[in-house]
Amino acid sequence: MSLEEKLLQDFISLPQDKKIEVLDFVEFLKSKSNQSLESVMDTIIIENQEALKELAK
């Protein structure tokens, strides 16, 4: 059984309120990942601001 199948099987067996908690946690993890990527991009832009200005000319 794959990880996805196991997760789905376990998820289906949960009561409705616990399913909502799982979905909230998944959204939290996705948001956390997106924030990390945004933070990295912000750092790259700040550290290379002069070079980016030159390239934009």
N, C-alpha and C. Protein backbone atom coordinates (compact mmCIF):
# COMPACT_ATOMS: atom_id res chain seq x y z
N MET A 1 0.85 -1.18 0.00
CA MET A 1 0.00 0.00 0.00
C MET A 1 0.90 1.24 0.00
N SER A 2 0.58 2.15 -0.89
CA SER A 2 1.39 3.37 -0.99
C SER A 2 1.05 4.32 0.16
N LEU A 3 1.88 5.29 0.35
CA LEU A 3 1.67 6.29 1.39
C LEU A 3 0.34 7.03 1.16
N GLU A 4 0.07 7.36 -0.09
CA GLU A 4 -1.16 8.06 -0.43
C GLU A 4 -2.40 7.21 -0.11
N GLU A 5 -2.32 5.92 -0.45
CA GLU A 5 -3.44 5.02 -0.17
C GLU A 5 -3.67 4.88 1.33
N LYS A 6 -2.59 4.76 2.07
CA LYS A 6 -2.69 4.64 3.54
C LYS A 6 -3.30 5.90 4.12
N LEU A 7 -2.84 7.05 3.66
CA LEU A 7 -3.37 8.32 4.16
C LEU A 7 -4.86 8.43 3.86
N LEU A 8 -5.24 8.11 2.65
CA LEU A 8 -6.65 8.18 2.27
C LEU A 8 -7.49 7.22 3.08
N GLN A 9 -7.02 6.01 3.27
CA GLN A 9 -7.74 5.01 4.05
C GLN A 9 -7.93 5.51 5.49
N ASP A 10 -6.87 6.04 6.09
CA ASP A 10 -6.96 6.55 7.46
C ASP A 10 -7.87 7.77 7.53
N PHE A 11 -7.76 8.63 6.54
CA PHE A 11 -8.58 9.84 6.51
C PHE A 11 -10.06 9.50 6.43
N ILE A 12 -10.41 8.57 5.59
CA ILE A 12 -11.81 8.17 5.41
C ILE A 12 -12.41 7.64 6.71
N SER A 13 -11.60 6.99 7.51
CA SER A 13 -12.11 6.39 8.74
C SER A 13 -12.27 7.40 9.89
N LEU A 14 -11.80 8.62 9.70
CA LEU A 14 -11.90 9.63 10.75
C LEU A 14 -13.31 10.22 10.83
N PRO A 15 -13.68 10.68 12.04
CA PRO A 15 -14.93 11.43 12.14
C PRO A 15 -14.79 12.79 11.45
N GLN A 16 -15.92 13.40 11.11
CA GLN A 16 -15.92 14.65 10.35
C GLN A 16 -15.07 15.75 11.00
N ASP A 17 -15.16 15.92 12.31
CA ASP A 17 -14.40 16.99 12.97
C ASP A 17 -12.89 16.77 12.86
N LYS A 18 -12.47 15.53 12.88
CA LYS A 18 -11.04 15.23 12.73
C LYS A 18 -10.57 15.42 11.29
N LYS A 19 -11.46 15.15 10.33
CA LYS A 19 -11.12 15.40 8.93
C LYS A 19 -10.86 16.89 8.71
N ILE A 20 -11.67 17.71 9.35
CA ILE A 20 -11.49 19.16 9.23
C ILE A 20 -10.14 19.57 9.83
N GLU A 21 -9.77 18.97 10.96
CA GLU A 21 -8.46 19.26 11.56
C GLU A 21 -7.32 18.86 10.63
N VAL A 22 -7.46 17.71 9.99
CA VAL A 22 -6.42 17.25 9.06
C VAL A 22 -6.29 18.23 7.90
N LEU A 23 -7.41 18.66 7.35
CA LEU A 23 -7.38 19.62 6.23
C LEU A 23 -6.77 20.95 6.67
N ASP A 24 -7.11 21.40 7.87
CA ASP A 24 -6.50 22.62 8.39
C ASP A 24 -4.99 22.48 8.50
N PHE A 25 -4.54 21.32 8.97
CA PHE A 25 -3.10 21.10 9.12
C PHE A 25 -2.40 21.06 7.76
N VAL A 26 -3.02 20.43 6.79
CA VAL A 26 -2.45 20.40 5.43
C VAL A 26 -2.33 21.81 4.88
N GLU A 27 -3.36 22.62 5.06
CA GLU A 27 -3.32 24.02 4.60
C GLU A 27 -2.21 24.79 5.31
N PHE A 28 -2.04 24.54 6.62
CA PHE A 28 -0.96 25.16 7.38
C PHE A 28 0.40 24.79 6.79
N LEU A 29 0.61 23.52 6.50
CA LEU A 29 1.89 23.07 5.95
C LEU A 29 2.15 23.70 4.58
N LYS A 30 1.11 23.78 3.75
CA LYS A 30 1.27 24.40 2.44
C LYS A 30 1.61 25.88 2.58
N SER A 31 0.94 26.55 3.49
CA SER A 31 1.19 27.96 3.73
C SER A 31 2.61 28.20 4.24
N LYS A 32 3.04 27.35 5.14
CA LYS A 32 4.39 27.45 5.70
C LYS A 32 5.44 27.28 4.59
N SER A 33 5.20 26.35 3.70
CA SER A 33 6.11 26.11 2.59
C SER A 33 6.15 27.33 1.66
N ASN A 34 4.99 27.90 1.37
CA ASN A 34 4.93 29.07 0.51
C ASN A 34 5.63 30.26 1.14
N GLN A 35 5.48 30.43 2.45
CA GLN A 35 6.13 31.53 3.15
C GLN A 35 7.65 31.37 3.10
N SER A 36 8.13 30.14 3.22
CA SER A 36 9.57 29.89 3.16
C SER A 36 10.11 30.27 1.78
N LEU A 37 9.40 29.89 0.74
CA LEU A 37 9.82 30.21 -0.62
C LEU A 37 9.82 31.72 -0.83
N GLU A 38 8.77 32.39 -0.36
CA GLU A 38 8.69 33.84 -0.50
C GLU A 38 9.85 34.52 0.24
N SER A 39 10.18 34.00 1.41
CA SER A 39 11.27 34.56 2.20
C SER A 39 12.61 34.42 1.46
N VAL A 40 12.83 33.27 0.85
CA VAL A 40 14.05 33.04 0.09
C VAL A 40 14.12 34.00 -1.10
N MET A 41 13.01 34.14 -1.79
CA MET A 41 12.99 35.04 -2.95
C MET A 41 13.22 36.49 -2.53
N ASP A 42 12.60 36.90 -1.41
CA ASP A 42 12.83 38.25 -0.91
C ASP A 42 14.30 38.49 -0.60
N THR A 43 14.94 37.51 0.02
CA THR A 43 16.36 37.62 0.35
C THR A 43 17.20 37.74 -0.92
N ILE A 44 16.91 36.92 -1.91
CA ILE A 44 17.65 36.97 -3.17
C ILE A 44 17.50 38.34 -3.82
N ILE A 45 16.29 38.86 -3.83
CA ILE A 45 16.06 40.17 -4.45
C ILE A 45 16.81 41.26 -3.70
N ILE A 46 16.73 41.24 -2.38
CA ILE A 46 17.41 42.27 -1.58
C ILE A 46 18.92 42.20 -1.78
N GLU A 47 19.48 41.00 -1.72
CA GLU A 47 20.93 40.83 -1.84
C GLU A 47 21.45 41.16 -3.24
N ASN A 48 20.58 41.09 -4.24
CA ASN A 48 21.01 41.30 -5.62
C ASN A 48 20.31 42.49 -6.27
N GLN A 49 19.88 43.43 -5.45
CA GLN A 49 19.09 44.55 -5.95
C GLN A 49 19.83 45.35 -7.01
N GLU A 50 21.09 45.64 -6.80
CA GLU A 50 21.85 46.42 -7.78
C GLU A 50 22.01 45.68 -9.11
N ALA A 51 22.32 44.42 -9.03
CA ALA A 51 22.48 43.62 -10.25
C ALA A 51 21.15 43.52 -11.00
N LEU A 52 20.06 43.38 -10.28
CA LEU A 52 18.76 43.31 -10.93
C LEU A 52 18.39 44.62 -11.60
N LYS A 53 18.78 45.74 -10.99
CA LYS A 53 18.53 47.04 -11.59
C LYS A 53 19.30 47.18 -12.91
N GLU A 54 20.54 46.71 -12.91
CA GLU A 54 21.35 46.76 -14.11
C GLU A 54 20.75 45.89 -15.22
N LEU A 55 20.30 44.72 -14.85
CA LEU A 55 19.69 43.83 -15.84
C LEU A 55 18.39 44.38 -16.41
N ALA A 56 17.70 45.20 -15.62
CA ALA A 56 16.43 45.75 -16.05
C ALA A 56 16.59 46.88 -17.07
N LYS A 57 17.80 47.39 -17.20
CA LYS A 57 18.04 48.52 -18.13
C LYS A 57 17.94 48.07 -19.56
